[in-house]
Amino acid sequence: MTTRLKNFKFSLDRSWLFSNLILLFCTISSLTQAQGNLQVMPKRIVFEGSKRFQELNLANIGQDSAQYSISIVNYRMKENGEFEEIHSPEPGLNFAGDYVRIFPRTVFLAPNEAQTVKVQLTKTASLAPGEYRSHIYFRSVPQQVPPDGSTTSDSSNISIKLTPIFGLSIPVIIRAGEQSLSVTLSDCVVEKKNGIATLKVTLNRTGNISAYGHLIASHISPEGTVSQVGIARGLGIYTPNAKRHFQLTLDQTPGINFSSGRLAINYVAPEENKSEIITKTELVLR
C-alpha cells in the first residue's frame, strides 16, 4: 500500500500501521487525561453592586506538571444550550472583556499544586445599564519536549506526534444599573422510551440580565409521597436569549411510576442565594 503526503511516498506495512494506530489512540487518551486535570473554582464570576475584585482558585489534580494560558473569549448561547464563539456583539449582548483585568495570565502548576488568579474591574464608570458577559478561557500549553527528554536520530522511521489541546472556560459577568429578570417554564412533557423517562422543558427569560440556577424535578405520587427524581445544576439562560430548551433524564427509582401522579418542576437559585425558587410548575403524569 502506498500513501502520498506532500509529494513524499512511504511504504507502510499493514501490521505496522495497525499496531501503531493502537499505540496512537492510547497516547491520545493518556495526553488528554494528563492535560485535563485542571479544577477552577468558582464556576462563574458575577460583578454587581460595589464589588470590584474577585479571585479564582486553580488546582492541578493530575500527576504531571502543567502550564495554562488565560485569555478572554466571547460566546453566544444557542437555544439548546450549546455555545459558539463570536467576535462581534449582537443586539442585547454586551462583552465584558474590555472591563476586566486578569493576572497572572500564565500559570504553571506542579501536581497537586494550587494558585490564585485575580480578576478586577476596570474602566466601568461609564457603563450603560445592563449585563456584560465574556468568558475566561484556560488553555493548556503543550510540552515541547517529551517528559523523559528522549530524542531519536533514526530518520528511517515515520514519527507522528498528536498533541491534544485542553481548555475550559467560565463566564465573567458585569451587571450595571437596575436589573430585571423573569423566568417561566413551558412546554413541559415527560417522554418514556425503552424504560427511560425524560423531562423536556422550555425555560423562558425576560429582562436585562441572565438567569442561572438548578432545575429540580420531584415526583409526587397519588398518595402524596414526594421523591426527587432529577436535578440539573448550573442551568443558565444567557442574554439576549429569550428561551432555552432542555432535557433531563429522570432517575429510574424503583416504585416510582411516571405514568401516574404529578411532576413538580422547580428552577431555584444557587445555594449561595439560599436556593430561592425562581419559578416552578407542575405536570400531571398520564
C-alpha atoms as a PDB file:
ATOM      1  CA  MET A   1       0.000   0.000   0.000  1.00  0.00           C
ATOM      2  CA  THR A   2       1.307   3.461  -0.894  1.00  0.00           C
ATOM      3  CA  THR A   3       0.404   6.759   0.764  1.00  0.00           C
ATOM      4  CA  ARG A   4       1.198  10.183  -0.717  1.00  0.00           C
ATOM      5  CA  LEU A   5       1.767  13.087   1.679  1.00  0.00           C
ATOM      6  CA  LYS A   6       3.037  16.405   0.325  1.00  0.00           C
ATOM      7  CA  ASN A   7       4.868  14.709  -2.580  1.00  0.00           C
ATOM      8  CA  PHE A   8       6.622  12.141  -0.315  1.00  0.00           C
ATOM      9  CA  LYS A   9       5.958   8.382  -0.679  1.00  0.00           C
ATOM     10  CA  PHE A  10       6.071   5.969   2.192  1.00  0.00           C
ATOM     11  CA  SER A  11       5.616   2.202   2.051  1.00  0.00           C
ATOM     12  CA  LEU A  12       3.568   1.111   5.038  1.00  0.00           C
ATOM     13  CA  ASP A  13       3.157  -2.472   6.166  1.00  0.00           C
ATOM     14  CA  ARG A  14      -0.417  -3.260   7.218  1.00  0.00           C
ATOM     15  CA  SER A  15       0.621  -4.847  10.503  1.00  0.00           C
ATOM     16  CA  TRP A  16       2.871  -1.875  11.298  1.00  0.00           C
ATOM     17  CA  LEU A  17       0.012   0.513  10.599  1.00  0.00           C
ATOM     18  CA  PHE A  18      -2.470  -1.416  12.747  1.00  0.00           C
ATOM     19  CA  SER A  19      -0.174  -1.713  15.764  1.00  0.00           C
ATOM     20  CA  ASN A  20       0.888   1.918  15.616  1.00  0.00           C
ATOM     21  CA  LEU A  21      -2.688   3.153  15.305  1.00  0.00           C
ATOM     22  CA  ILE A  22      -3.497   1.344  18.550  1.00  0.00           C
ATOM     23  CA  LEU A  23      -0.474   2.970  20.187  1.00  0.00           C
ATOM     24  CA  LEU A  24      -1.501   6.350  18.789  1.00  0.00           C
ATOM     25  CA  PHE A  25      -5.005   6.156  20.233  1.00  0.00           C
ATOM     26  CA  CYS A  26      -3.640   5.118  23.622  1.00  0.00           C
ATOM     27  CA  THR A  27      -1.239   8.072  23.547  1.00  0.00           C
ATOM     28  CA  ILE A  28      -4.068  10.496  22.720  1.00  0.00           C
ATOM     29  CA  SER A  29      -6.113   9.168  25.629  1.00  0.00           C
ATOM     30  CA  SER A  30      -3.156   9.491  28.001  1.00  0.00           C
ATOM     31  CA  LEU A  31      -2.334  13.036  26.897  1.00  0.00           C
ATOM     32  CA  THR A  32      -5.942  14.158  27.167  1.00  0.00           C
ATOM     33  CA  GLN A  33      -6.163  12.834  30.710  1.00  0.00           C
ATOM     34  CA  ALA A  34      -2.864  14.440  31.667  1.00  0.00           C
ATOM     35  CA  GLN A  35      -3.858  17.857  30.334  1.00  0.00           C
ATOM     36  CA  GLY A  36      -7.479  17.712  31.551  1.00  0.00           C
ATOM     37  CA  ASN A  37      -6.798  17.815  35.288  1.00  0.00           C
ATOM     38  CA  LEU A  38      -7.407  21.496  35.938  1.00  0.00           C
ATOM     39  CA  GLN A  39     -10.025  22.482  38.505  1.00  0.00           C
ATOM     40  CA  VAL A  40     -11.314  26.063  38.660  1.00  0.00           C
ATOM     41  CA  MET A  41     -13.440  27.490  41.436  1.00  0.00           C
ATOM     42  CA  PRO A  42     -15.842  29.233  41.405  1.00  0.00           C
ATOM     43  CA  LYS A  43     -17.516  28.170  38.142  1.00  0.00           C
ATOM     44  CA  ARG A  44     -18.632  31.707  37.309  1.00  0.00           C
ATOM     45  CA  ILE A  45     -17.852  35.282  38.338  1.00  0.00           C
ATOM     46  CA  VAL A  46     -20.506  37.975  38.699  1.00  0.00           C
ATOM     47  CA  PHE A  47     -19.699  41.621  39.428  1.00  0.00           C
ATOM     48  CA  GLU A  48     -22.612  43.685  40.678  1.00  0.00           C
ATOM     49  CA  GLY A  49     -23.107  46.467  43.174  1.00  0.00           C
ATOM     50  CA  SER A  50     -19.848  47.705  44.671  1.00  0.00           C
ATOM     51  CA  LYS A  51     -17.899  44.505  44.046  1.00  0.00           C
ATOM     52  CA  ARG A  52     -14.696  45.310  42.114  1.00  0.00           C
ATOM     53  CA  PHE A  53     -12.377  42.398  42.787  1.00  0.00           C
ATOM     54  CA  GLN A  54     -12.680  38.603  42.864  1.00  0.00           C
ATOM     55  CA  GLU A  55     -10.377  35.591  42.966  1.00  0.00           C
ATOM     56  CA  LEU A  56     -10.281  32.291  41.104  1.00  0.00           C
ATOM     57  CA  ASN A  57      -8.685  29.210  42.635  1.00  0.00           C
ATOM     58  CA  LEU A  58      -6.865  26.944  40.169  1.00  0.00           C
ATOM     59  CA  ALA A  59      -5.709  23.446  41.149  1.00  0.00           C
ATOM     60  CA  ASN A  60      -3.831  20.766  39.241  1.00  0.00           C
ATOM     61  CA  ILE A  61      -5.252  17.413  40.382  1.00  0.00           C
ATOM     62  CA  GLY A  62      -3.186  15.422  37.891  1.00  0.00           C
ATOM     63  CA  GLN A  63       0.125  13.621  38.239  1.00  0.00           C
ATOM     64  CA  ASP A  64       2.040  15.787  35.775  1.00  0.00           C
ATOM     65  CA  SER A  65       3.081  19.422  35.827  1.00  0.00           C
ATOM     66  CA  ALA A  66       1.020  21.640  33.541  1.00  0.00           C
ATOM     67  CA  GLN A  67       1.098  25.169  32.179  1.00  0.00           C
ATOM     68  CA  TYR A  68      -2.020  27.173  31.294  1.00  0.00           C
ATOM     69  CA  SER A  69      -2.522  30.427  29.447  1.00  0.00           C
ATOM     70  CA  ILE A  70      -5.520  32.573  30.418  1.00  0.00           C
ATOM     71  CA  SER A  71      -7.407  34.714  27.933  1.00  0.00           C
ATOM     72  CA  ILE A  72     -10.827  36.204  27.200  1.00  0.00           C
ATOM     73  CA  VAL A  73     -13.191  34.718  24.616  1.00  0.00           C
ATOM     74  CA  ASN A  74     -16.770  35.574  23.691  1.00  0.00           C
ATOM     75  CA  TYR A  75     -19.574  33.096  23.181  1.00  0.00           C
ATOM     76  CA  ARG A  76     -23.240  33.218  22.414  1.00  0.00           C
ATOM     77  CA  MET A  77     -25.639  30.579  23.642  1.00  0.00           C
ATOM     78  CA  LYS A  78     -27.963  28.733  21.299  1.00  0.00           C
ATOM     79  CA  GLU A  79     -31.486  27.797  22.350  1.00  0.00           C
ATOM     80  CA  ASN A  80     -30.352  24.226  23.007  1.00  0.00           C
ATOM     81  CA  GLY A  81     -27.660  25.411  25.431  1.00  0.00           C
ATOM     82  CA  GLU A  82     -24.675  24.956  23.121  1.00  0.00           C
ATOM     83  CA  PHE A  83     -22.085  27.720  22.816  1.00  0.00           C
ATOM     84  CA  GLU A  84     -20.415  29.128  19.730  1.00  0.00           C
ATOM     85  CA  GLU A  85     -17.598  31.656  19.634  1.00  0.00           C
ATOM     86  CA  ILE A  86     -18.349  35.087  18.185  1.00  0.00           C
ATOM     87  CA  HIS A  87     -16.201  38.171  17.657  1.00  0.00           C
ATOM     88  CA  SER A  88     -18.767  40.979  17.395  1.00  0.00           C
ATOM     89  CA  PRO A  89     -21.546  41.623  19.923  1.00  0.00           C
ATOM     90  CA  GLU A  90     -25.134  41.095  18.837  1.00  0.00           C
ATOM     91  CA  PRO A  91     -28.117  43.251  19.839  1.00  0.00           C
ATOM     92  CA  GLY A  92     -28.694  42.722  23.536  1.00  0.00           C
ATOM     93  CA  LEU A  93     -25.326  41.012  24.057  1.00  0.00           C
ATOM     94  CA  ASN A  94     -22.529  43.147  25.529  1.00  0.00           C
ATOM     95  CA  PHE A  95     -18.968  41.889  26.033  1.00  0.00           C
ATOM     96  CA  ALA A  96     -17.273  42.200  29.428  1.00  0.00           C
ATOM     97  CA  GLY A  97     -13.706  41.577  28.270  1.00  0.00           C
ATOM     98  CA  ASP A  98     -12.752  45.244  27.914  1.00  0.00           C
ATOM     99  CA  TYR A  99     -13.695  45.924  31.520  1.00  0.00           C
ATOM    100  CA  VAL A 100     -11.789  43.207  33.400  1.00  0.00           C
ATOM    101  CA  ARG A 101      -8.128  42.688  34.221  1.00  0.00           C
ATOM    102  CA  ILE A 102      -6.786  39.186  34.900  1.00  0.00           C
ATOM    103  CA  PHE A 103      -3.432  38.456  36.497  1.00  0.00           C
ATOM    104  CA  PRO A 104      -1.387  36.427  36.095  1.00  0.00           C
ATOM    105  CA  ARG A 105      -2.151  35.419  32.501  1.00  0.00           C
ATOM    106  CA  THR A 106       0.084  32.327  32.603  1.00  0.00           C
ATOM    107  CA  VAL A 107       0.052  29.723  35.369  1.00  0.00           C
ATOM    108  CA  PHE A 108       2.408  26.791  35.922  1.00  0.00           C
ATOM    109  CA  LEU A 109       1.163  24.149  38.341  1.00  0.00           C
ATOM    110  CA  ALA A 110       3.037  21.166  39.690  1.00  0.00           C
ATOM    111  CA  PRO A 111       0.998  18.076  40.602  1.00  0.00           C
ATOM    112  CA  ASN A 112      -1.469  18.806  43.429  1.00  0.00           C
ATOM    113  CA  GLU A 113      -0.462  22.471  43.403  1.00  0.00           C
ATOM    114  CA  ALA A 114      -2.939  25.365  43.550  1.00  0.00           C
ATOM    115  CA  GLN A 115      -2.729  29.055  42.699  1.00  0.00           C
ATOM    116  CA  THR A 116      -4.966  32.099  42.916  1.00  0.00           C
ATOM    117  CA  VAL A 117      -5.812  34.191  39.862  1.00  0.00           C
ATOM    118  CA  LYS A 118      -7.161  37.704  40.421  1.00  0.00           C
ATOM    119  CA  VAL A 119      -9.950  39.288  38.383  1.00  0.00           C
ATOM    120  CA  GLN A 120     -10.533  43.035  38.722  1.00  0.00           C
ATOM    121  CA  LEU A 121     -12.950  45.510  37.169  1.00  0.00           C
ATOM    122  CA  THR A 122     -11.572  48.456  35.241  1.00  0.00           C
ATOM    123  CA  LYS A 123     -12.974  51.391  33.230  1.00  0.00           C
ATOM    124  CA  THR A 124     -16.579  50.740  34.274  1.00  0.00           C
ATOM    125  CA  ALA A 125     -17.579  54.267  35.305  1.00  0.00           C
ATOM    126  CA  SER A 126     -19.390  54.956  32.035  1.00  0.00           C
ATOM    127  CA  LEU A 127     -21.094  51.582  31.591  1.00  0.00           C
ATOM    128  CA  ALA A 128     -24.687  51.831  30.422  1.00  0.00           C
ATOM    129  CA  PRO A 129     -27.238  49.849  32.458  1.00  0.00           C
ATOM    130  CA  GLY A 130     -27.425  46.195  31.547  1.00  0.00           C
ATOM    131  CA  GLU A 131     -25.404  42.995  31.599  1.00  0.00           C
ATOM    132  CA  TYR A 132     -21.964  42.436  30.075  1.00  0.00           C
ATOM    133  CA  ARG A 133     -20.608  38.910  29.581  1.00  0.00           C
ATOM    134  CA  SER A 134     -17.424  37.286  28.327  1.00  0.00           C
ATOM    135  CA  HIS A 135     -15.688  34.019  29.238  1.00  0.00           C
ATOM    136  CA  ILE A 136     -12.338  33.445  30.905  1.00  0.00           C
ATOM    137  CA  TYR A 137     -10.598  30.702  28.922  1.00  0.00           C
ATOM    138  CA  PHE A 138      -7.935  28.420  30.413  1.00  0.00           C
ATOM    139  CA  ARG A 139      -5.858  26.729  27.701  1.00  0.00           C
ATOM    140  CA  SER A 140      -3.211  24.102  28.327  1.00  0.00           C
ATOM    141  CA  VAL A 141       0.209  24.834  26.873  1.00  0.00           C
ATOM    142  CA  PRO A 142       1.592  21.583  25.380  1.00  0.00           C
ATOM    143  CA  GLN A 143       5.004  20.385  26.440  1.00  0.00           C
ATOM    144  CA  GLN A 144       7.565  20.905  23.674  1.00  0.00           C
ATOM    145  CA  VAL A 145       9.898  18.134  24.824  1.00  0.00           C
ATOM    146  CA  PRO A 146       8.962  14.577  25.839  1.00  0.00           C
ATOM    147  CA  PRO A 147       8.826  14.219  29.647  1.00  0.00           C
ATOM    148  CA  ASP A 148      11.860  11.831  29.622  1.00  0.00           C
ATOM    149  CA  GLY A 149      13.837  14.179  27.387  1.00  0.00           C
ATOM    150  CA  SER A 150      14.391  11.403  24.830  1.00  0.00           C
ATOM    151  CA  THR A 151      15.135  12.078  21.165  1.00  0.00           C
ATOM    152  CA  THR A 152      15.537   9.848  18.135  1.00  0.00           C
ATOM    153  CA  SER A 153      18.029  10.042  15.282  1.00  0.00           C
ATOM    154  CA  ASP A 154      16.556   7.205  13.223  1.00  0.00           C
ATOM    155  CA  SER A 155      15.494   9.011  10.065  1.00  0.00           C
ATOM    156  CA  SER A 156      14.050   5.819   8.557  1.00  0.00           C
ATOM    157  CA  ASN A 157      11.081   5.873  10.919  1.00  0.00           C
ATOM    158  CA  ILE A 158       7.969   7.950  10.437  1.00  0.00           C
ATOM    159  CA  SER A 159       7.193   9.997  13.528  1.00  0.00           C
ATOM    160  CA  ILE A 160       3.657  11.203  14.148  1.00  0.00           C
ATOM    161  CA  LYS A 161       3.016  13.446  17.110  1.00  0.00           C
ATOM    162  CA  LEU A 162      -0.529  14.469  18.046  1.00  0.00           C
ATOM    163  CA  THR A 163      -0.911  16.865  20.955  1.00  0.00           C
ATOM    164  CA  PRO A 164      -4.495  17.482  22.040  1.00  0.00           C
ATOM    165  CA  ILE A 165      -5.179  20.935  23.459  1.00  0.00           C
ATOM    166  CA  PHE A 166      -7.279  21.014  26.603  1.00  0.00           C
ATOM    167  CA  GLY A 167      -9.290  24.071  27.538  1.00  0.00           C
ATOM    168  CA  LEU A 168     -12.163  25.156  29.708  1.00  0.00           C
ATOM    169  CA  SER A 169     -13.971  28.438  30.220  1.00  0.00           C
ATOM    170  CA  ILE A 170     -16.125  30.112  32.846  1.00  0.00           C
ATOM    171  CA  PRO A 171     -18.362  33.164  32.390  1.00  0.00           C
ATOM    172  CA  VAL A 172     -17.447  36.555  33.809  1.00  0.00           C
ATOM    173  CA  ILE A 173     -20.484  38.826  34.108  1.00  0.00           C
ATOM    174  CA  ILE A 174     -20.786  42.531  34.917  1.00  0.00           C
ATOM    175  CA  ARG A 175     -24.165  43.977  35.882  1.00  0.00           C
ATOM    176  CA  ALA A 176     -24.669  47.731  35.864  1.00  0.00           C
ATOM    177  CA  GLY A 177     -27.667  49.830  36.809  1.00  0.00           C
ATOM    178  CA  GLU A 178     -31.147  48.499  37.515  1.00  0.00           C
ATOM    179  CA  GLN A 179     -31.760  44.824  36.950  1.00  0.00           C
ATOM    180  CA  SER A 180     -34.877  42.978  35.868  1.00  0.00           C
ATOM    181  CA  LEU A 181     -35.467  39.264  35.373  1.00  0.00           C
ATOM    182  CA  SER A 182     -38.445  36.976  34.991  1.00  0.00           C
ATOM    183  CA  VAL A 183     -38.371  33.251  34.192  1.00  0.00           C
ATOM    184  CA  THR A 184     -41.222  30.877  33.354  1.00  0.00           C
ATOM    185  CA  LEU A 185     -41.377  27.182  32.440  1.00  0.00           C
ATOM    186  CA  SER A 186     -43.402  25.930  29.476  1.00  0.00           C
ATOM    187  CA  ASP A 187     -43.820  23.013  27.046  1.00  0.00           C
ATOM    188  CA  CYS A 188     -43.224  20.510  29.851  1.00  0.00           C
ATOM    189  CA  VAL A 189     -43.639  16.875  28.852  1.00  0.00           C
ATOM    190  CA  VAL A 190     -42.320  13.518  30.088  1.00  0.00           C
ATOM    191  CA  GLU A 191     -41.379  11.106  27.324  1.00  0.00           C
ATOM    192  CA  LYS A 192     -40.973   7.399  28.123  1.00  0.00           C
ATOM    193  CA  LYS A 193     -38.902   5.201  25.825  1.00  0.00           C
ATOM    194  CA  ASN A 194     -37.152   1.866  26.467  1.00  0.00           C
ATOM    195  CA  GLY A 195     -37.841   2.166  30.178  1.00  0.00           C
ATOM    196  CA  ILE A 196     -36.236   5.622  30.452  1.00  0.00           C
ATOM    197  CA  ALA A 197     -38.245   8.731  31.319  1.00  0.00           C
ATOM    198  CA  THR A 198     -37.040  12.121  30.063  1.00  0.00           C
ATOM    199  CA  LEU A 199     -38.380  15.535  31.025  1.00  0.00           C
ATOM    200  CA  LYS A 200     -38.459  18.061  28.201  1.00  0.00           C
ATOM    201  CA  VAL A 201     -38.939  21.683  29.231  1.00  0.00           C
ATOM    202  CA  THR A 202     -38.501  25.191  27.852  1.00  0.00           C
ATOM    203  CA  LEU A 203     -37.175  27.947  30.117  1.00  0.00           C
ATOM    204  CA  ASN A 204     -38.374  31.420  29.087  1.00  0.00           C
ATOM    205  CA  ARG A 205     -36.437  34.535  30.150  1.00  0.00           C
ATOM    206  CA  THR A 206     -37.340  38.210  30.070  1.00  0.00           C
ATOM    207  CA  GLY A 207     -35.441  41.179  31.499  1.00  0.00           C
ATOM    208  CA  ASN A 208     -31.972  42.661  31.099  1.00  0.00           C
ATOM    209  CA  ILE A 209     -29.877  40.036  32.944  1.00  0.00           C
ATOM    210  CA  SER A 210     -29.215  36.323  32.534  1.00  0.00           C
ATOM    211  CA  ALA A 211     -30.855  33.600  34.584  1.00  0.00           C
ATOM    212  CA  TYR A 212     -28.853  30.940  36.416  1.00  0.00           C
ATOM    213  CA  GLY A 213     -29.960  28.160  38.715  1.00  0.00           C
ATOM    214  CA  HIS A 214     -30.674  24.486  39.311  1.00  0.00           C
ATOM    215  CA  LEU A 215     -33.589  22.637  37.729  1.00  0.00           C
ATOM    216  CA  ILE A 216     -35.084  20.128  40.174  1.00  0.00           C
ATOM    217  CA  ALA A 217     -37.748  17.551  39.305  1.00  0.00           C
ATOM    218  CA  SER A 218     -39.730  15.756  42.024  1.00  0.00           C
ATOM    219  CA  HIS A 219     -42.328  13.023  41.603  1.00  0.00           C
ATOM    220  CA  ILE A 220     -45.491  13.306  43.691  1.00  0.00           C
ATOM    221  CA  SER A 221     -47.357  10.013  43.933  1.00  0.00           C
ATOM    222  CA  PRO A 222     -51.191   9.832  44.052  1.00  0.00           C
ATOM    223  CA  GLU A 223     -50.764   9.199  47.804  1.00  0.00           C
ATOM    224  CA  GLY A 224     -48.706  12.408  48.201  1.00  0.00           C
ATOM    225  CA  THR A 225     -45.224  10.887  48.560  1.00  0.00           C
ATOM    226  CA  VAL A 226     -42.566  13.289  47.232  1.00  0.00           C
ATOM    227  CA  SER A 227     -39.336  11.897  45.690  1.00  0.00           C
ATOM    228  CA  GLN A 228     -36.649  13.912  43.938  1.00  0.00           C
ATOM    229  CA  VAL A 229     -36.044  12.229  40.577  1.00  0.00           C
ATOM    230  CA  GLY A 230     -33.699  14.592  38.770  1.00  0.00           C
ATOM    231  CA  ILE A 231     -31.532  17.676  39.091  1.00  0.00           C
ATOM    232  CA  ALA A 232     -29.537  19.762  36.587  1.00  0.00           C
ATOM    233  CA  ARG A 233     -27.099  22.120  38.300  1.00  0.00           C
ATOM    234  CA  GLY A 234     -25.861  25.397  36.861  1.00  0.00           C
ATOM    235  CA  LEU A 235     -28.504  25.764  34.163  1.00  0.00           C
ATOM    236  CA  GLY A 236     -28.216  29.198  32.582  1.00  0.00           C
ATOM    237  CA  ILE A 237     -30.156  31.275  30.075  1.00  0.00           C
ATOM    238  CA  TYR A 238     -27.799  33.988  28.899  1.00  0.00           C
ATOM    239  CA  THR A 239     -28.743  37.314  27.373  1.00  0.00           C
ATOM    240  CA  PRO A 240     -30.041  38.069  24.838  1.00  0.00           C
ATOM    241  CA  ASN A 241     -31.725  34.642  24.604  1.00  0.00           C
ATOM    242  CA  ALA A 242     -35.434  34.572  25.413  1.00  0.00           C
ATOM    243  CA  LYS A 243     -35.604  30.784  25.844  1.00  0.00           C
ATOM    244  CA  ARG A 244     -33.660  27.605  26.335  1.00  0.00           C
ATOM    245  CA  HIS A 245     -34.803  24.080  25.509  1.00  0.00           C
ATOM    246  CA  PHE A 246     -33.610  21.445  27.949  1.00  0.00           C
ATOM    247  CA  GLN A 247     -33.898  17.693  28.513  1.00  0.00           C
ATOM    248  CA  LEU A 248     -33.416  15.993  31.882  1.00  0.00           C
ATOM    249  CA  THR A 249     -33.186  12.215  32.226  1.00  0.00           C
ATOM    250  CA  LEU A 250     -35.213  11.200  35.299  1.00  0.00           C
ATOM    251  CA  ASP A 251     -33.963   8.695  37.863  1.00  0.00           C
ATOM    252  CA  GLN A 252     -35.427   5.225  37.455  1.00  0.00           C
ATOM    253  CA  THR A 253     -36.108   4.797  41.157  1.00  0.00           C
ATOM    254  CA  PRO A 254     -37.921   1.534  41.984  1.00  0.00           C
ATOM    255  CA  GLY A 255     -41.556   2.117  42.897  1.00  0.00           C
ATOM    256  CA  ILE A 256     -41.927   5.405  41.028  1.00  0.00           C
ATOM    257  CA  ASN A 257     -44.435   5.376  38.198  1.00  0.00           C
ATOM    258  CA  PHE A 258     -44.026   8.199  35.696  1.00  0.00           C
ATOM    259  CA  SER A 259     -47.472   7.425  34.292  1.00  0.00           C
ATOM    260  CA  SER A 260     -49.315   8.486  37.437  1.00  0.00           C
ATOM    261  CA  GLY A 261     -49.176  11.288  39.973  1.00  0.00           C
ATOM    262  CA  ARG A 262     -47.546  14.649  39.275  1.00  0.00           C
ATOM    263  CA  LEU A 263     -44.113  16.019  38.492  1.00  0.00           C
ATOM    264  CA  ALA A 264     -43.104  19.185  40.376  1.00  0.00           C
ATOM    265  CA  ILE A 265     -40.502  21.210  38.445  1.00  0.00           C
ATOM    266  CA  ASN A 266     -38.614  23.920  40.348  1.00  0.00           C
ATOM    267  CA  TYR A 267     -35.998  26.289  38.961  1.00  0.00           C
ATOM    268  CA  VAL A 268     -34.079  27.527  42.012  1.00  0.00           C
ATOM    269  CA  ALA A 269     -31.241  29.992  42.601  1.00  0.00           C
ATOM    270  CA  PRO A 270     -27.814  28.547  43.534  1.00  0.00           C
ATOM    271  CA  GLU A 271     -27.084  27.601  47.144  1.00  0.00           C
ATOM    272  CA  GLU A 272     -25.335  30.895  47.899  1.00  0.00           C
ATOM    273  CA  ASN A 273     -28.738  32.517  47.385  1.00  0.00           C
ATOM    274  CA  LYS A 274     -30.392  30.076  49.838  1.00  0.00           C
ATOM    275  CA  SER A 275     -31.961  28.076  46.981  1.00  0.00           C
ATOM    276  CA  GLU A 276     -34.709  30.627  46.456  1.00  0.00           C
ATOM    277  CA  ILE A 277     -37.309  29.415  43.953  1.00  0.00           C
ATOM    278  CA  ILE A 278     -37.077  31.448  40.745  1.00  0.00           C
ATOM    279  CA  THR A 279     -40.067  29.773  39.097  1.00  0.00           C
ATOM    280  CA  LYS A 280     -41.962  26.484  39.306  1.00  0.00           C
ATOM    281  CA  THR A 281     -44.682  24.451  37.659  1.00  0.00           C
ATOM    282  CA  GLU A 282     -46.384  21.075  37.934  1.00  0.00           C
ATOM    283  CA  LEU A 283     -47.118  18.471  35.288  1.00  0.00           C
ATOM    284  CA  VAL A 284     -49.884  15.861  35.577  1.00  0.00           C
ATOM    285  CA  LEU A 285     -48.488  12.478  34.561  1.00  0.00           C
ATOM    286  CA  ARG A 286     -50.510  10.068  32.419  1.00  0.00           C
END
